[in-house]
């Protein structure tokens, strides 16, 4: 029973931190705000995370570990079943992220947290993300390089960055493309994924 209570407390803290980071940013959120939102004391944050920096890292880890594993598993299947094809590789990058954005409760806030990571200067966070998840885009870049032997490394990584930016935008459900009436969220996300995959594939081939 004690382990269940501890997990519940930890999850409450992570959920509160995620919402606050999404709204106020990393520098603009204090641990006192997190404890107030989660209805816990500061000792609970120190026990589970030790520091604000570790708390920030764990907010990313609880979403990105699963998404990264799904991406790599789907990439492995794509390379085995459809070698030399660009679209399945891009789909392996896009689909797990869109599934995450429309799935687990609260994941909409995490999309805004990702945007914060792009725009805020947080060297410790960028180092953590590079060390923990940098291998994922490298795997995709390697797979795409095989399909696009004439594309230089700088161009390849630049276009992968463009894809990541467009994907973040799509995950946040910004822009002019809104879910039509009487269309399920799943059907809407599937259509958006298909459009983004086709768009990105054309960009990589250009």
N, C-alpha and C. Protein backbone atom coordinates (compact mmCIF):
# COMPACT_ATOMS: atom_id res chain seq x y z
N UNK A 1 0.84 -1.21 0.00
CA UNK A 1 0.00 0.00 0.00
C UNK A 1 0.87 1.26 0.00
N UNK A 2 2.00 1.21 0.75
CA UNK A 2 2.87 2.38 0.83
C UNK A 2 3.41 2.76 -0.54
N UNK A 3 3.82 1.75 -1.36
CA UNK A 3 4.37 2.05 -2.68
C UNK A 3 3.32 2.70 -3.58
N UNK A 4 2.06 2.30 -3.42
CA UNK A 4 0.99 2.90 -4.22
C UNK A 4 0.82 4.37 -3.86
N UNK A 5 0.88 4.68 -2.55
CA UNK A 5 0.75 6.06 -2.10
C UNK A 5 1.91 6.89 -2.62
N UNK A 6 3.14 6.36 -2.56
CA UNK A 6 4.30 7.08 -3.05
C UNK A 6 4.18 7.37 -4.54
N UNK A 7 3.77 6.37 -5.30
CA UNK A 7 3.61 6.57 -6.74
C UNK A 7 2.56 7.63 -7.02
N UNK A 8 1.46 7.61 -6.29
CA UNK A 8 0.40 8.58 -6.48
C UNK A 8 0.91 9.99 -6.19
N UNK A 9 1.67 10.14 -5.12
CA UNK A 9 2.23 11.44 -4.78
C UNK A 9 3.19 11.91 -5.86
N UNK A 10 4.05 11.03 -6.32
CA UNK A 10 5.01 11.39 -7.37
C UNK A 10 4.29 11.81 -8.63
N UNK A 11 3.25 11.08 -9.00
CA UNK A 11 2.52 11.40 -10.22
C UNK A 11 1.79 12.73 -10.09
N UNK A 12 1.25 13.01 -8.90
CA UNK A 12 0.60 14.30 -8.67
C UNK A 12 1.58 15.45 -8.84
N UNK A 13 2.79 15.26 -8.32
CA UNK A 13 3.82 16.30 -8.44
C UNK A 13 4.20 16.51 -9.90
N UNK A 14 4.39 15.41 -10.63
CA UNK A 14 4.75 15.51 -12.05
C UNK A 14 3.64 16.20 -12.85
N UNK A 15 2.40 15.84 -12.57
CA UNK A 15 1.28 16.46 -13.28
C UNK A 15 1.19 17.95 -13.01
N UNK A 16 1.36 18.32 -11.75
CA UNK A 16 1.30 19.74 -11.38
C UNK A 16 2.46 20.50 -12.02
N UNK A 17 3.66 19.91 -11.98
CA UNK A 17 4.82 20.57 -12.56
C UNK A 17 4.65 20.75 -14.06
N UNK A 18 4.13 19.73 -14.72
CA UNK A 18 3.94 19.80 -16.17
C UNK A 18 2.99 20.95 -16.53
N UNK A 19 1.88 21.07 -15.83
CA UNK A 19 0.92 22.14 -16.10
C UNK A 19 1.55 23.51 -15.86
N UNK A 20 2.29 23.63 -14.78
CA UNK A 20 2.89 24.93 -14.44
C UNK A 20 4.02 25.28 -15.40
N UNK A 21 4.85 24.31 -15.76
CA UNK A 21 5.92 24.57 -16.73
C UNK A 21 5.32 25.00 -18.07
N UNK A 22 4.21 24.36 -18.45
CA UNK A 22 3.56 24.71 -19.71
C UNK A 22 3.06 26.15 -19.69
N UNK A 23 2.58 26.60 -18.54
CA UNK A 23 1.98 27.93 -18.43
C UNK A 23 3.01 29.01 -18.17
N UNK A 24 3.95 28.74 -17.26
CA UNK A 24 4.86 29.79 -16.78
C UNK A 24 6.31 29.58 -17.21
N UNK A 25 6.61 28.45 -17.81
CA UNK A 25 7.99 28.17 -18.16
C UNK A 25 8.75 27.54 -17.00
N UNK A 26 9.98 27.15 -17.27
CA UNK A 26 10.78 26.48 -16.24
C UNK A 26 11.32 27.47 -15.22
N UNK A 27 11.88 28.58 -15.71
CA UNK A 27 12.41 29.58 -14.78
C UNK A 27 11.29 30.28 -14.02
N UNK A 28 10.12 30.40 -14.64
CA UNK A 28 9.02 31.13 -14.03
C UNK A 28 8.18 30.32 -13.06
N UNK A 29 8.52 29.05 -12.87
CA UNK A 29 7.77 28.18 -11.95
C UNK A 29 8.64 27.86 -10.74
N UNK A 30 8.11 28.09 -9.56
CA UNK A 30 8.83 27.77 -8.33
C UNK A 30 8.37 26.44 -7.78
N UNK A 31 9.21 25.82 -6.96
CA UNK A 31 8.81 24.58 -6.30
C UNK A 31 7.62 24.81 -5.38
N UNK A 32 7.53 26.01 -4.80
CA UNK A 32 6.39 26.30 -3.93
C UNK A 32 5.08 26.28 -4.73
N UNK A 33 5.11 26.78 -5.95
CA UNK A 33 3.93 26.71 -6.81
C UNK A 33 3.56 25.26 -7.12
N UNK A 34 4.58 24.44 -7.36
CA UNK A 34 4.34 23.02 -7.66
C UNK A 34 3.71 22.33 -6.47
N UNK A 35 4.26 22.55 -5.28
CA UNK A 35 3.71 21.89 -4.09
C UNK A 35 2.29 22.35 -3.80
N UNK A 36 2.03 23.63 -4.04
CA UNK A 36 0.68 24.14 -3.82
C UNK A 36 -0.31 23.51 -4.80
N UNK A 37 0.08 23.41 -6.07
CA UNK A 37 -0.81 22.82 -7.08
C UNK A 37 -1.03 21.33 -6.80
N UNK A 38 0.03 20.63 -6.39
CA UNK A 38 -0.08 19.19 -6.14
C UNK A 38 -0.63 18.86 -4.77
N UNK A 39 -0.74 19.89 -3.91
CA UNK A 39 -1.22 19.71 -2.54
C UNK A 39 -0.33 18.74 -1.77
N UNK A 40 0.98 18.98 -1.85
CA UNK A 40 1.97 18.21 -1.10
C UNK A 40 2.93 19.20 -0.45
N UNK A 41 3.77 18.70 0.44
CA UNK A 41 4.77 19.58 1.05
C UNK A 41 6.10 19.48 0.30
N UNK A 42 6.99 20.42 0.59
CA UNK A 42 8.27 20.48 -0.12
C UNK A 42 9.11 19.22 0.14
N UNK A 43 8.91 18.61 1.28
CA UNK A 43 9.67 17.39 1.59
C UNK A 43 9.35 16.28 0.59
N UNK A 44 8.11 16.23 0.11
CA UNK A 44 7.74 15.20 -0.87
C UNK A 44 8.47 15.41 -2.19
N UNK A 45 8.62 16.67 -2.60
CA UNK A 45 9.36 16.97 -3.83
C UNK A 45 10.82 16.59 -3.66
N UNK A 46 11.40 16.96 -2.53
CA UNK A 46 12.80 16.62 -2.27
C UNK A 46 13.01 15.12 -2.21
N UNK A 47 12.06 14.40 -1.63
CA UNK A 47 12.18 12.95 -1.51
C UNK A 47 12.17 12.28 -2.88
N UNK A 48 11.23 12.68 -3.74
CA UNK A 48 11.06 12.00 -5.02
C UNK A 48 12.03 12.50 -6.09
N UNK A 49 12.44 13.77 -6.00
CA UNK A 49 13.22 14.34 -7.11
C UNK A 49 14.54 14.96 -6.69
N UNK A 50 14.64 15.44 -5.47
CA UNK A 50 15.91 15.96 -4.99
C UNK A 50 16.18 17.41 -5.35
N UNK A 51 15.73 17.84 -6.53
CA UNK A 51 15.97 19.21 -6.98
C UNK A 51 14.98 19.57 -8.06
N UNK A 52 14.88 20.86 -8.33
CA UNK A 52 14.00 21.33 -9.40
C UNK A 52 14.50 20.83 -10.75
N UNK A 53 15.81 20.81 -10.94
CA UNK A 53 16.37 20.32 -12.21
C UNK A 53 15.97 18.88 -12.47
N UNK A 54 16.04 18.04 -11.46
CA UNK A 54 15.63 16.65 -11.63
C UNK A 54 14.13 16.54 -11.89
N UNK A 55 13.36 17.41 -11.26
CA UNK A 55 11.91 17.41 -11.50
C UNK A 55 11.61 17.75 -12.96
N UNK A 56 12.29 18.76 -13.49
CA UNK A 56 12.11 19.11 -14.91
C UNK A 56 12.45 17.91 -15.79
N UNK A 57 13.57 17.26 -15.49
CA UNK A 57 13.99 16.10 -16.29
C UNK A 57 12.95 14.98 -16.25
N UNK A 58 12.39 14.74 -15.07
CA UNK A 58 11.43 13.64 -14.93
C UNK A 58 10.11 13.94 -15.63
N UNK A 59 9.74 15.21 -15.72
CA UNK A 59 8.55 15.58 -16.48
C UNK A 59 8.71 15.14 -17.93
N UNK A 60 9.90 15.34 -18.47
CA UNK A 60 10.16 14.88 -19.84
C UNK A 60 10.27 13.36 -19.92
N UNK A 61 10.94 12.76 -18.94
CA UNK A 61 11.18 11.32 -19.01
C UNK A 61 9.88 10.51 -19.00
N UNK A 62 8.89 10.93 -18.24
CA UNK A 62 7.69 10.11 -18.12
C UNK A 62 6.89 10.08 -19.41
N UNK A 63 7.06 11.08 -20.28
CA UNK A 63 6.38 11.07 -21.58
C UNK A 63 7.29 10.51 -22.68
N UNK A 64 8.56 10.93 -22.66
CA UNK A 64 9.42 10.68 -23.81
C UNK A 64 10.03 9.30 -23.84
N UNK A 65 10.16 8.64 -22.68
CA UNK A 65 10.70 7.28 -22.69
C UNK A 65 9.82 6.36 -23.55
N UNK A 66 8.53 6.41 -23.31
CA UNK A 66 7.61 5.55 -24.05
C UNK A 66 7.53 5.96 -25.52
N UNK A 67 7.42 7.26 -25.77
CA UNK A 67 7.32 7.72 -27.14
C UNK A 67 8.58 7.36 -27.93
N UNK A 68 9.74 7.50 -27.34
CA UNK A 68 10.99 7.17 -28.03
C UNK A 68 11.07 5.68 -28.34
N UNK A 69 10.66 4.85 -27.38
CA UNK A 69 10.66 3.41 -27.60
C UNK A 69 9.71 3.03 -28.73
N UNK A 70 8.54 3.66 -28.77
CA UNK A 70 7.58 3.39 -29.83
C UNK A 70 8.12 3.82 -31.19
N UNK A 71 8.76 4.96 -31.23
CA UNK A 71 9.34 5.44 -32.49
C UNK A 71 10.38 4.45 -33.02
N UNK A 72 11.28 4.02 -32.15
CA UNK A 72 12.35 3.13 -32.60
C UNK A 72 11.82 1.76 -33.00
N UNK A 73 10.81 1.27 -32.28
CA UNK A 73 10.22 -0.02 -32.64
C UNK A 73 9.53 0.07 -34.00
N UNK A 74 8.81 1.17 -34.24
CA UNK A 74 8.13 1.34 -35.52
C UNK A 74 9.14 1.54 -36.64
N UNK A 75 10.23 2.24 -36.35
CA UNK A 75 11.29 2.41 -37.36
C UNK A 75 11.90 1.07 -37.73
N UNK A 76 12.15 0.24 -36.74
CA UNK A 76 12.73 -1.08 -37.01
C UNK A 76 11.81 -1.90 -37.92
N UNK A 77 10.50 -1.85 -37.65
CA UNK A 77 9.55 -2.57 -38.50
C UNK A 77 9.54 -1.99 -39.92
N UNK A 78 9.59 -0.67 -40.02
CA UNK A 78 9.56 -0.03 -41.34
C UNK A 78 10.77 -0.44 -42.17
N UNK A 79 11.94 -0.47 -41.56
CA UNK A 79 13.15 -0.83 -42.29
C UNK A 79 13.13 -2.30 -42.72
N UNK A 80 12.50 -3.14 -41.89
CA UNK A 80 12.45 -4.57 -42.22
C UNK A 80 11.40 -4.86 -43.28
N UNK A 81 10.27 -4.18 -43.20
CA UNK A 81 9.14 -4.51 -44.07
C UNK A 81 9.08 -3.67 -45.34
N UNK A 82 9.61 -2.44 -45.29
CA UNK A 82 9.55 -1.55 -46.45
C UNK A 82 10.90 -0.85 -46.66
N UNK A 83 11.95 -1.61 -46.89
CA UNK A 83 13.28 -1.01 -47.03
C UNK A 83 13.35 -0.04 -48.21
N UNK A 84 14.06 1.06 -47.99
CA UNK A 84 14.24 2.04 -49.04
C UNK A 84 13.11 3.03 -49.21
N UNK A 85 12.03 2.89 -48.44
CA UNK A 85 10.88 3.78 -48.54
C UNK A 85 10.97 4.89 -47.48
N UNK A 86 10.76 6.12 -47.90
CA UNK A 86 10.87 7.26 -46.99
C UNK A 86 9.64 7.40 -46.09
N UNK A 87 8.46 7.26 -46.68
CA UNK A 87 7.23 7.52 -45.93
C UNK A 87 7.10 6.68 -44.66
N UNK A 88 7.40 5.37 -44.68
CA UNK A 88 7.29 4.61 -43.43
C UNK A 88 8.26 5.08 -42.35
N UNK A 89 9.42 5.58 -42.77
CA UNK A 89 10.38 6.11 -41.79
C UNK A 89 9.82 7.36 -41.14
N UNK A 90 9.29 8.26 -41.95
CA UNK A 90 8.70 9.48 -41.41
C UNK A 90 7.49 9.15 -40.54
N UNK A 91 6.69 8.18 -40.97
CA UNK A 91 5.53 7.78 -40.17
C UNK A 91 5.96 7.29 -38.80
N UNK A 92 7.08 6.60 -38.72
CA UNK A 92 7.57 6.10 -37.43
C UNK A 92 7.97 7.24 -36.51
N UNK A 93 8.35 8.35 -37.09
CA UNK A 93 8.71 9.53 -36.30
C UNK A 93 7.48 10.32 -35.88
N UNK A 94 6.50 10.40 -36.79
CA UNK A 94 5.34 11.27 -36.60
C UNK A 94 4.25 10.62 -35.76
N UNK A 95 3.87 9.40 -36.09
CA UNK A 95 2.68 8.79 -35.51
C UNK A 95 2.74 8.59 -33.99
N UNK A 96 3.85 8.08 -33.43
CA UNK A 96 3.87 7.94 -31.96
C UNK A 96 3.74 9.27 -31.23
N UNK A 97 4.29 10.34 -31.82
CA UNK A 97 4.19 11.65 -31.18
C UNK A 97 2.76 12.17 -31.20
N UNK A 98 2.07 12.02 -32.33
CA UNK A 98 0.68 12.46 -32.40
C UNK A 98 -0.21 11.60 -31.51
N UNK A 99 0.10 10.30 -31.42
CA UNK A 99 -0.66 9.43 -30.52
C UNK A 99 -0.50 9.89 -29.07
N UNK A 100 0.73 10.24 -28.70
CA UNK A 100 0.98 10.72 -27.34
C UNK A 100 0.23 12.01 -27.08
N UNK A 101 0.24 12.91 -28.05
CA UNK A 101 -0.40 14.21 -27.87
C UNK A 101 -1.91 14.10 -27.68
N UNK A 102 -2.51 13.08 -28.28
CA UNK A 102 -3.97 12.95 -28.20
C UNK A 102 -4.41 11.85 -27.26
N UNK A 103 -3.44 11.25 -26.56
CA UNK A 103 -3.78 10.10 -25.74
C UNK A 103 -3.84 10.38 -24.26
N UNK A 104 -2.77 10.03 -23.54
CA UNK A 104 -2.75 10.06 -22.09
C UNK A 104 -3.20 11.40 -21.53
N UNK A 105 -3.96 11.36 -20.45
CA UNK A 105 -4.50 12.57 -19.83
C UNK A 105 -3.39 13.57 -19.53
N UNK A 106 -3.63 14.82 -19.86
CA UNK A 106 -2.68 15.87 -19.56
C UNK A 106 -1.59 16.05 -20.58
N UNK A 107 -1.55 15.19 -21.61
CA UNK A 107 -0.45 15.25 -22.56
C UNK A 107 -0.47 16.53 -23.38
N UNK A 108 -1.63 17.20 -23.46
CA UNK A 108 -1.69 18.48 -24.16
C UNK A 108 -0.76 19.50 -23.51
N UNK A 109 -0.68 19.50 -22.20
CA UNK A 109 0.23 20.40 -21.50
C UNK A 109 1.67 20.08 -21.85
N UNK A 110 1.97 18.80 -22.02
CA UNK A 110 3.35 18.42 -22.32
C UNK A 110 3.80 18.96 -23.67
N UNK A 111 2.88 19.06 -24.62
CA UNK A 111 3.23 19.65 -25.91
C UNK A 111 3.71 21.08 -25.72
N UNK A 112 3.07 21.82 -24.83
CA UNK A 112 3.50 23.19 -24.55
C UNK A 112 4.82 23.19 -23.80
N UNK A 113 5.06 22.18 -22.99
CA UNK A 113 6.35 22.06 -22.31
C UNK A 113 7.46 21.84 -23.34
N UNK A 114 7.20 21.02 -24.35
CA UNK A 114 8.18 20.82 -25.42
C UNK A 114 8.50 22.14 -26.09
N UNK A 115 7.47 22.93 -26.38
CA UNK A 115 7.69 24.24 -27.00
C UNK A 115 8.55 25.13 -26.11
N UNK A 116 8.33 25.06 -24.80
CA UNK A 116 9.15 25.83 -23.86
C UNK A 116 10.62 25.41 -23.96
N UNK A 117 10.85 24.11 -24.12
CA UNK A 117 12.23 23.61 -24.21
C UNK A 117 12.93 24.16 -25.44
N UNK A 118 12.16 24.40 -26.51
CA UNK A 118 12.74 24.97 -27.73
C UNK A 118 13.14 26.44 -27.54
N UNK A 119 12.30 27.20 -26.85
CA UNK A 119 12.49 28.65 -26.84
C UNK A 119 13.22 29.17 -25.60
N UNK A 120 13.18 28.44 -24.48
CA UNK A 120 13.85 28.93 -23.28
C UNK A 120 15.32 28.48 -23.27
N UNK A 121 16.16 29.34 -22.77
CA UNK A 121 17.57 28.99 -22.65
C UNK A 121 17.77 28.22 -21.35
N UNK A 122 17.88 26.90 -21.47
CA UNK A 122 18.07 26.04 -20.31
C UNK A 122 19.11 24.99 -20.69
N UNK A 123 20.36 25.31 -20.48
CA UNK A 123 21.45 24.45 -20.94
C UNK A 123 21.42 23.08 -20.28
N UNK A 124 21.04 23.03 -19.01
CA UNK A 124 21.00 21.74 -18.31
C UNK A 124 19.94 20.83 -18.91
N UNK A 125 18.79 21.40 -19.23
CA UNK A 125 17.72 20.60 -19.84
C UNK A 125 18.13 20.13 -21.24
N UNK A 126 18.70 21.02 -22.02
CA UNK A 126 19.12 20.63 -23.37
C UNK A 126 20.17 19.53 -23.32
N UNK A 127 21.07 19.60 -22.34
CA UNK A 127 22.08 18.56 -22.18
C UNK A 127 21.41 17.23 -21.82
N UNK A 128 20.45 17.27 -20.90
CA UNK A 128 19.73 16.06 -20.52
C UNK A 128 19.01 15.45 -21.71
N UNK A 129 18.29 16.27 -22.47
CA UNK A 129 17.54 15.76 -23.62
C UNK A 129 18.48 15.19 -24.68
N UNK A 130 19.61 15.85 -24.89
CA UNK A 130 20.57 15.35 -25.87
C UNK A 130 21.15 14.00 -25.44
N UNK A 131 21.48 13.89 -24.16
CA UNK A 131 22.08 12.65 -23.66
C UNK A 131 21.08 11.51 -23.63
N UNK A 132 19.84 11.79 -23.28
CA UNK A 132 18.84 10.74 -23.11
C UNK A 132 18.15 10.35 -24.41
N UNK A 133 17.94 11.34 -25.30
CA UNK A 133 17.10 11.08 -26.47
C UNK A 133 17.74 11.48 -27.80
N UNK A 134 18.97 11.96 -27.76
CA UNK A 134 19.64 12.36 -28.99
C UNK A 134 19.85 11.21 -29.95
N UNK A 135 19.90 9.98 -29.42
CA UNK A 135 20.10 8.83 -30.31
C UNK A 135 18.90 8.59 -31.22
N UNK A 136 17.72 9.07 -30.81
CA UNK A 136 16.51 8.80 -31.60
C UNK A 136 16.56 9.52 -32.95
N UNK A 137 16.73 10.86 -32.99
CA UNK A 137 16.85 11.50 -34.31
C UNK A 137 18.04 10.99 -35.11
N UNK A 138 19.11 10.59 -34.43
CA UNK A 138 20.26 10.05 -35.18
C UNK A 138 19.90 8.75 -35.88
N UNK A 139 19.10 7.92 -35.23
CA UNK A 139 18.65 6.68 -35.87
C UNK A 139 17.81 6.99 -37.11
N UNK A 140 16.93 7.97 -36.99
CA UNK A 140 16.10 8.34 -38.13
C UNK A 140 16.93 8.99 -39.23
N UNK A 141 17.88 9.82 -38.86
CA UNK A 141 18.75 10.43 -39.86
C UNK A 141 19.53 9.37 -40.62
N UNK A 142 20.01 8.36 -39.91
CA UNK A 142 20.74 7.29 -40.57
C UNK A 142 19.87 6.51 -41.54
N UNK A 143 18.63 6.25 -41.13
CA UNK A 143 17.71 5.52 -42.00
C UNK A 143 17.36 6.34 -43.24
N UNK A 144 17.13 7.64 -43.06
CA UNK A 144 16.80 8.50 -44.18
C UNK A 144 17.99 8.69 -45.12
N UNK A 145 19.20 8.71 -44.56
CA UNK A 145 20.40 8.88 -45.39
C UNK A 145 20.55 7.75 -46.39
N UNK A 146 20.15 6.55 -46.00
CA UNK A 146 20.23 5.41 -46.92
C UNK A 146 19.29 5.62 -48.10
N UNK A 147 18.14 6.21 -47.84
CA UNK A 147 17.15 6.46 -48.90
C UNK A 147 17.51 7.66 -49.75
N UNK A 148 18.33 8.57 -49.20
CA UNK A 148 18.65 9.83 -49.88
C UNK A 148 20.16 10.02 -49.95
N UNK A 149 20.84 9.18 -50.69
CA UNK A 149 22.31 9.23 -50.71
C UNK A 149 22.87 10.53 -51.26
N UNK A 150 22.10 11.27 -52.03
CA UNK A 150 22.60 12.51 -52.60
C UNK A 150 22.42 13.71 -51.69
N UNK A 151 21.79 13.53 -50.55
CA UNK A 151 21.52 14.64 -49.63
C UNK A 151 22.64 14.72 -48.59
N UNK A 152 23.24 15.92 -48.48
CA UNK A 152 24.32 16.10 -47.52
C UNK A 152 23.84 16.01 -46.08
N UNK A 153 24.79 15.77 -45.17
CA UNK A 153 24.44 15.61 -43.76
C UNK A 153 23.77 16.85 -43.19
N UNK A 154 24.31 18.03 -43.53
CA UNK A 154 23.74 19.27 -42.99
C UNK A 154 22.30 19.45 -43.47
N UNK A 155 22.06 19.18 -44.76
CA UNK A 155 20.71 19.31 -45.30
C UNK A 155 19.76 18.30 -44.68
N UNK A 156 20.27 17.09 -44.50
CA UNK A 156 19.43 16.03 -43.91
C UNK A 156 19.00 16.39 -42.50
N UNK A 157 19.95 16.83 -41.66
CA UNK A 157 19.62 17.18 -40.29
C UNK A 157 18.75 18.44 -40.24
N UNK A 158 18.98 19.36 -41.17
CA UNK A 158 18.14 20.55 -41.21
C UNK A 158 16.70 20.21 -41.52
N UNK A 159 16.48 19.30 -42.47
CA UNK A 159 15.12 18.92 -42.84
C UNK A 159 14.47 18.10 -41.74
N UNK A 160 15.27 17.33 -41.01
CA UNK A 160 14.71 16.60 -39.86
C UNK A 160 14.29 17.58 -38.77
N UNK A 161 15.05 18.66 -38.61
CA UNK A 161 14.65 19.71 -37.67
C UNK A 161 13.34 20.37 -38.12
N UNK A 162 13.22 20.62 -39.42
CA UNK A 162 11.97 21.21 -39.93
C UNK A 162 10.78 20.28 -39.65
N UNK A 163 11.01 18.98 -39.83
CA UNK A 163 9.95 18.01 -39.55
C UNK A 163 9.57 18.05 -38.07
N UNK A 164 10.57 18.10 -37.19
CA UNK A 164 10.29 18.14 -35.75
C UNK A 164 9.49 19.39 -35.39
N UNK A 165 9.82 20.53 -36.01
CA UNK A 165 9.08 21.75 -35.74
C UNK A 165 7.64 21.67 -36.22
N UNK A 166 7.45 21.16 -37.44
CA UNK A 166 6.09 21.01 -37.95
C UNK A 166 5.29 20.03 -37.12
N UNK A 167 5.95 18.97 -36.66
CA UNK A 167 5.27 17.98 -35.83
C UNK A 167 4.83 18.58 -34.50
N UNK A 168 5.69 19.37 -33.88
CA UNK A 168 5.33 20.02 -32.62
C UNK A 168 4.12 20.93 -32.82
N UNK A 169 4.09 21.64 -33.92
CA UNK A 169 2.97 22.51 -34.26
C UNK A 169 1.69 21.69 -34.41
N UNK A 170 1.80 20.56 -35.12
CA UNK A 170 0.63 19.70 -35.31
C UNK A 170 0.17 19.08 -33.99
N UNK A 171 1.11 18.70 -33.15
CA UNK A 171 0.77 18.12 -31.85
C UNK A 171 0.00 19.11 -30.99
N UNK A 172 0.36 20.38 -31.11
CA UNK A 172 -0.30 21.41 -30.30
C UNK A 172 -1.66 21.81 -30.85
N UNK A 173 -1.97 21.31 -32.06
CA UNK A 173 -3.27 21.60 -32.69
C UNK A 173 -3.46 23.09 -32.91
N UNK A 174 -2.38 23.76 -33.34
CA UNK A 174 -2.45 25.16 -33.71
C UNK A 174 -2.93 25.29 -35.15
N UNK A 175 -2.99 26.53 -35.62
CA UNK A 175 -3.18 26.76 -37.03
C UNK A 175 -4.62 26.68 -37.50
N UNK A 176 -4.76 26.53 -38.81
CA UNK A 176 -6.06 26.63 -39.45
C UNK A 176 -6.78 25.30 -39.56
N UNK A 177 -6.05 24.20 -39.38
CA UNK A 177 -6.66 22.88 -39.58
C UNK A 177 -7.34 22.45 -38.28
N UNK A 178 -8.62 22.56 -38.22
CA UNK A 178 -9.38 22.20 -37.03
C UNK A 178 -10.15 20.91 -37.29
N UNK A 179 -10.45 20.21 -36.21
CA UNK A 179 -11.21 18.96 -36.35
C UNK A 179 -12.63 19.28 -36.81
N UNK A 180 -13.04 18.71 -37.95
CA UNK A 180 -14.40 18.98 -38.45
C UNK A 180 -15.45 18.39 -37.51
N UNK A 181 -16.64 18.94 -37.54
CA UNK A 181 -17.74 18.37 -36.73
C UNK A 181 -17.99 16.92 -37.13
N UNK A 182 -18.39 16.13 -36.17
CA UNK A 182 -18.72 14.71 -36.39
C UNK A 182 -17.52 13.88 -36.84
N UNK A 183 -16.31 14.37 -36.57
CA UNK A 183 -15.09 13.63 -36.85
C UNK A 183 -14.42 13.28 -35.53
N UNK A 184 -14.07 12.03 -35.35
CA UNK A 184 -13.45 11.62 -34.10
C UNK A 184 -12.03 12.17 -34.02
N UNK A 185 -11.54 12.26 -32.79
CA UNK A 185 -10.16 12.72 -32.59
C UNK A 185 -9.18 11.79 -33.30
N UNK A 186 -9.44 10.49 -33.22
CA UNK A 186 -8.55 9.53 -33.88
C UNK A 186 -8.52 9.74 -35.39
N UNK A 187 -9.68 9.92 -36.00
CA UNK A 187 -9.74 10.13 -37.44
C UNK A 187 -9.05 11.44 -37.84
N UNK A 188 -9.23 12.47 -37.01
CA UNK A 188 -8.60 13.76 -37.28
C UNK A 188 -7.08 13.63 -37.22
N UNK A 189 -6.57 12.98 -36.18
CA UNK A 189 -5.12 12.83 -36.03
C UNK A 189 -4.55 11.96 -37.16
N UNK A 190 -5.29 10.95 -37.56
CA UNK A 190 -4.83 10.08 -38.65
C UNK A 190 -4.68 10.89 -39.94
N UNK A 191 -5.66 11.76 -40.20
CA UNK A 191 -5.59 12.58 -41.41
C UNK A 191 -4.43 13.56 -41.34
N UNK A 192 -4.25 14.19 -40.19
CA UNK A 192 -3.14 15.13 -40.01
C UNK A 192 -1.81 14.42 -40.19
N UNK A 193 -1.69 13.22 -39.63
CA UNK A 193 -0.45 12.47 -39.77
C UNK A 193 -0.15 12.16 -41.23
N UNK A 194 -1.18 11.74 -41.97
CA UNK A 194 -0.99 11.43 -43.37
C UNK A 194 -0.54 12.64 -44.17
N UNK A 195 -1.16 13.79 -43.90
CA UNK A 195 -0.79 15.02 -44.61
C UNK A 195 0.65 15.42 -44.28
N UNK A 196 1.01 15.32 -43.01
CA UNK A 196 2.36 15.72 -42.60
C UNK A 196 3.41 14.77 -43.18
N UNK A 197 3.11 13.49 -43.21
CA UNK A 197 4.05 12.51 -43.77
C UNK A 197 4.29 12.78 -45.25
N UNK A 198 3.23 13.04 -46.01
CA UNK A 198 3.38 13.32 -47.43
C UNK A 198 4.15 14.61 -47.65
N UNK A 199 3.84 15.63 -46.87
CA UNK A 199 4.52 16.92 -46.97
C UNK A 199 6.01 16.77 -46.68
N UNK A 200 6.33 16.07 -45.58
CA UNK A 200 7.72 15.90 -45.19
C UNK A 200 8.50 15.06 -46.20
N UNK A 201 7.88 14.03 -46.71
CA UNK A 201 8.55 13.18 -47.70
C UNK A 201 8.94 13.99 -48.93
N UNK A 202 8.02 14.85 -49.38
CA UNK A 202 8.34 15.71 -50.53
C UNK A 202 9.49 16.66 -50.21
N UNK A 203 9.51 17.17 -48.97
CA UNK A 203 10.58 18.05 -48.56
C UNK A 203 11.93 17.36 -48.52
N UNK A 204 11.95 16.14 -48.01
CA UNK A 204 13.21 15.40 -47.96
C UNK A 204 13.71 15.06 -49.37
N UNK A 205 12.79 14.82 -50.28
CA UNK A 205 13.20 14.46 -51.65
C UNK A 205 13.59 15.67 -52.49
N UNK A 206 13.20 16.87 -52.04
CA UNK A 206 13.41 18.06 -52.87
C UNK A 206 14.91 18.35 -53.06
